[in-house]
Protein backbone atom coordinates (compact mmCIF):
# COMPACT_ATOMS: atom_id res chain seq x y z
CA MET A 1 37.32 290.36 60.47
CA ALA A 2 36.31 287.10 58.83
CA ARG A 3 39.93 286.10 58.81
CA LYS A 4 40.17 286.57 62.56
CA LYS A 5 37.16 284.31 63.15
CA THR A 6 38.69 281.65 60.94
CA LYS A 7 41.97 281.81 62.82
CA ASN A 8 40.18 281.60 66.16
CA ALA A 9 38.08 278.70 64.93
CA GLU A 10 41.20 276.98 63.61
CA SER A 11 43.09 277.52 66.85
CA LYS A 12 40.16 276.12 68.81
CA GLU A 13 40.12 273.07 66.57
CA VAL A 14 43.86 272.57 67.03
CA ALA A 15 43.67 272.95 70.81
CA ARG A 16 40.86 270.41 71.19
CA GLN A 17 42.00 266.77 71.23
CA PRO A 18 39.86 264.53 69.01
CA SER A 19 38.05 261.69 70.72
CA ALA A 20 38.60 258.11 69.59
CA SER A 21 35.48 258.30 67.43
CA GLU A 22 36.69 261.53 65.74
CA GLU A 23 40.16 260.33 64.80
CA LYS A 24 40.98 260.31 61.12
CA LEU A 25 41.20 257.02 59.33
CA PRO A 26 44.48 256.03 57.62
CA GLU A 27 45.18 257.52 54.21
CA THR A 28 44.89 255.20 51.24
CA PRO A 29 44.95 256.01 47.51
CA HIS A 30 41.26 255.05 47.21
CA ARG A 31 40.34 257.22 50.21
CA ARG A 32 42.21 260.23 48.78
CA GLU A 33 40.43 259.81 45.43
CA VAL A 34 36.97 259.58 47.01
CA LEU A 35 37.63 262.63 49.23
CA SER A 36 38.85 264.57 46.21
CA GLN A 37 35.65 263.73 44.30
CA ILE A 38 33.50 264.77 47.27
CA VAL A 39 35.32 268.11 47.53
CA GLU A 40 34.93 268.71 43.77
CA ILE A 41 31.19 268.08 43.99
CA ALA A 42 30.84 270.17 47.16
CA GLU A 43 32.53 273.16 45.51
CA ARG A 44 29.85 273.17 42.79
CA LEU A 45 26.89 273.02 45.23
CA GLU A 46 24.71 275.90 46.40
CA ASP A 47 24.51 276.58 50.15
CA ASP A 48 21.36 274.46 50.53
CA GLY A 49 23.09 271.55 48.82
CA LEU A 50 26.14 271.95 51.07
CA GLU A 51 23.90 271.90 54.16
CA LEU A 52 22.24 268.71 52.90
CA LEU A 53 25.63 267.15 52.12
CA LEU A 54 26.86 268.04 55.62
CA GLU A 55 23.76 266.54 57.26
CA GLN A 56 24.10 263.36 55.18
CA ALA A 57 27.79 263.11 56.07
CA LYS A 58 26.89 263.40 59.76
CA VAL A 59 24.30 260.61 59.38
CA VAL A 60 26.81 258.35 57.64
CA GLU A 61 29.43 259.13 60.29
CA TYR A 62 26.95 258.38 63.09
CA LYS A 63 25.91 255.09 61.51
CA GLY A 64 29.58 254.14 61.20
CA LYS A 65 30.16 254.87 64.89
CA ILE A 66 27.15 252.74 65.81
CA GLU A 67 28.36 249.88 63.62
CA ARG A 68 31.87 250.01 65.12
CA PHE A 69 30.39 250.13 68.62
CA ASN A 70 28.14 247.15 67.87
CA ARG A 71 31.08 245.16 66.47
CA ARG A 72 33.13 245.86 69.62
CA LEU A 73 30.13 244.98 71.77
CA ASN A 74 29.64 241.69 69.92
CA VAL A 75 33.32 240.80 70.25
CA ALA A 76 33.21 241.59 73.98
CA ALA A 77 30.05 239.49 74.40
CA ARG A 78 31.63 236.52 72.60
CA GLU A 79 34.75 236.83 74.75
CA ALA A 80 32.65 237.00 77.93
CA ILE A 81 30.68 233.90 76.92
CA GLU A 82 33.89 232.02 76.17
CA ALA A 83 35.43 233.11 79.48
CA ARG A 84 32.35 231.92 81.39
CA ARG A 85 32.43 228.65 79.48
CA GLU A 86 36.12 228.17 80.24
CA ALA A 87 35.64 229.07 83.91
CA GLY A 88 32.89 226.48 84.28
CA ARG A 89 34.75 223.77 82.41
CA PRO A 90 36.72 221.39 84.65
CA SER A 91 40.34 220.76 83.75
CA TYR A 92 40.14 217.18 85.06
CA ASP A 93 43.29 217.50 87.11
CA VAL A 94 43.80 214.52 89.43
CA GLU A 95 46.23 214.44 92.34
CA ILE A 96 46.81 212.07 95.25
CA GLU A 97 48.42 213.30 98.44
CA ARG A 98 49.43 211.16 101.39
CA THR A 99 49.14 212.67 104.86
CA ASP A 100 51.50 212.00 107.77
CA ASP A 101 48.89 209.87 109.51
CA ASP A 102 48.44 207.46 106.52
CA PHE A 103 45.36 209.01 105.01
CA PHE A 104 45.15 209.83 101.32
CA ILE A 105 43.55 212.86 99.74
CA ILE A 106 42.33 212.39 96.20
CA GLN A 107 41.95 215.79 94.61
CA LEU A 108 39.80 216.12 91.49
CA ASP A 109 40.26 219.73 90.37
CA ASP A 110 39.10 221.65 93.49
CA GLU A 111 37.37 218.74 95.25
CA ARG A 112 39.38 217.02 97.98
CA ILE A 113 38.17 213.63 99.26
CA PHE A 114 39.85 211.77 102.12
CA PHE A 115 40.50 208.00 101.98
CA ASN A 116 41.95 205.70 104.59
CA ILE A 117 44.87 203.43 103.77
CA ASN A 118 42.65 200.35 103.26
CA GLU A 119 40.47 202.18 100.73
CA MET A 120 43.56 203.34 98.89
CA ARG A 121 44.92 199.80 98.81
CA GLU A 122 41.61 198.61 97.33
CA LEU A 123 41.76 201.28 94.62
CA THR A 124 45.33 200.26 93.85
CA ARG A 125 44.32 196.60 93.63
CA ILE A 126 41.42 197.43 91.27
CA CYS A 127 43.66 199.44 88.95
CA HIS A 128 46.45 196.85 88.76
CA LYS A 129 44.04 193.96 88.32
CA ALA A 130 42.22 195.55 85.35
CA LYS A 131 43.38 194.57 81.85
CA ASP A 132 43.30 198.21 80.65
CA ARG A 133 42.14 201.71 81.51
CA ALA A 134 38.57 201.21 80.21
CA ALA A 135 38.10 198.10 82.35
CA ALA A 136 39.60 199.85 85.37
CA THR A 137 37.32 202.89 85.06
CA ARG A 138 34.25 200.62 84.91
CA VAL A 139 35.27 198.79 88.09
CA LEU A 140 36.33 202.02 89.82
CA PHE A 141 32.98 203.62 89.03
CA ARG A 142 31.06 200.63 90.48
CA TRP A 143 33.29 200.60 93.57
CA PHE A 144 32.74 204.31 94.17
CA GLU A 145 28.98 203.87 93.68
CA GLU A 146 28.89 201.19 96.36
CA GLU A 147 31.57 202.35 98.79
CA ARG A 148 32.30 206.06 98.36
CA SER A 149 29.54 207.73 96.36
CA ASP A 150 30.61 211.04 97.94
CA LEU A 151 33.53 211.19 95.49
CA LEU A 152 31.17 210.78 92.53
CA ALA A 153 28.76 213.40 93.85
CA ASP A 154 31.41 215.94 94.85
CA ALA A 155 33.27 215.74 91.53
CA GLY A 156 30.12 215.48 89.40
CA ILE A 157 31.05 212.08 88.00
CA ASN A 158 28.03 210.36 86.47
CA SER A 159 29.57 207.63 84.32
CA ASN A 160 32.58 205.38 84.04
CA ARG A 161 33.77 207.48 81.08
CA SER A 162 34.73 210.41 83.28
CA PRO A 163 38.21 211.81 82.60
CA TYR A 164 38.64 211.96 86.38
CA LEU A 165 38.47 208.16 86.62
CA ALA A 166 40.90 207.73 83.74
CA GLY A 167 43.29 210.20 85.37
CA LEU A 168 42.94 208.46 88.72
CA TYR A 169 43.73 205.11 87.10
CA GLU A 170 46.84 206.50 85.36
CA LEU A 171 48.07 208.12 88.56
CA ILE A 172 47.54 205.03 90.72
CA ILE A 173 49.22 202.72 88.17
CA SER A 174 52.25 205.02 87.93
CA ARG A 175 52.70 205.65 91.68
CA TYR A 176 51.40 202.68 93.69
CA LYS A 177 52.01 198.95 93.75
CA VAL A 178 49.81 196.20 95.19
CA ARG A 179 51.01 194.92 98.55
CA ALA A 180 50.97 191.17 99.05
């Protein structure tokens, strides 16, 4: 009779799929040795001692699950923080597009600002006249403050050290020439 119960219990155990938290850990020589020592000790214990050992094993297992869960939670939290940080960080992409009706669109990441041809010529003149990029970004920043502060506000530019201004300078120098 006892044998039948054991077989039924074993067949139930086999039929049930273990959850991720119940899966066995990989075998290692150290793990086999420790398990062997635990079994040796357990075989020498009275029933009360076995019950205590079982309860302690459940506590240790539960604490391990909590620790693994907390580690996964901490990793996920760090990844979420980094993703939010990356999403909020501008890439400082600068593009200039010319429309069919001689307007120019300066795009700073997602911000698109329209300029007429005379404003674009002035920006081109400023960039070519400057001795280097640092000088050009200083003059560009002052010009935008006085003439087109909407670009500064829309793109969040608050100093002449903005990568947007450096990118704008590089793009204008490489694509446009000053007209006489």
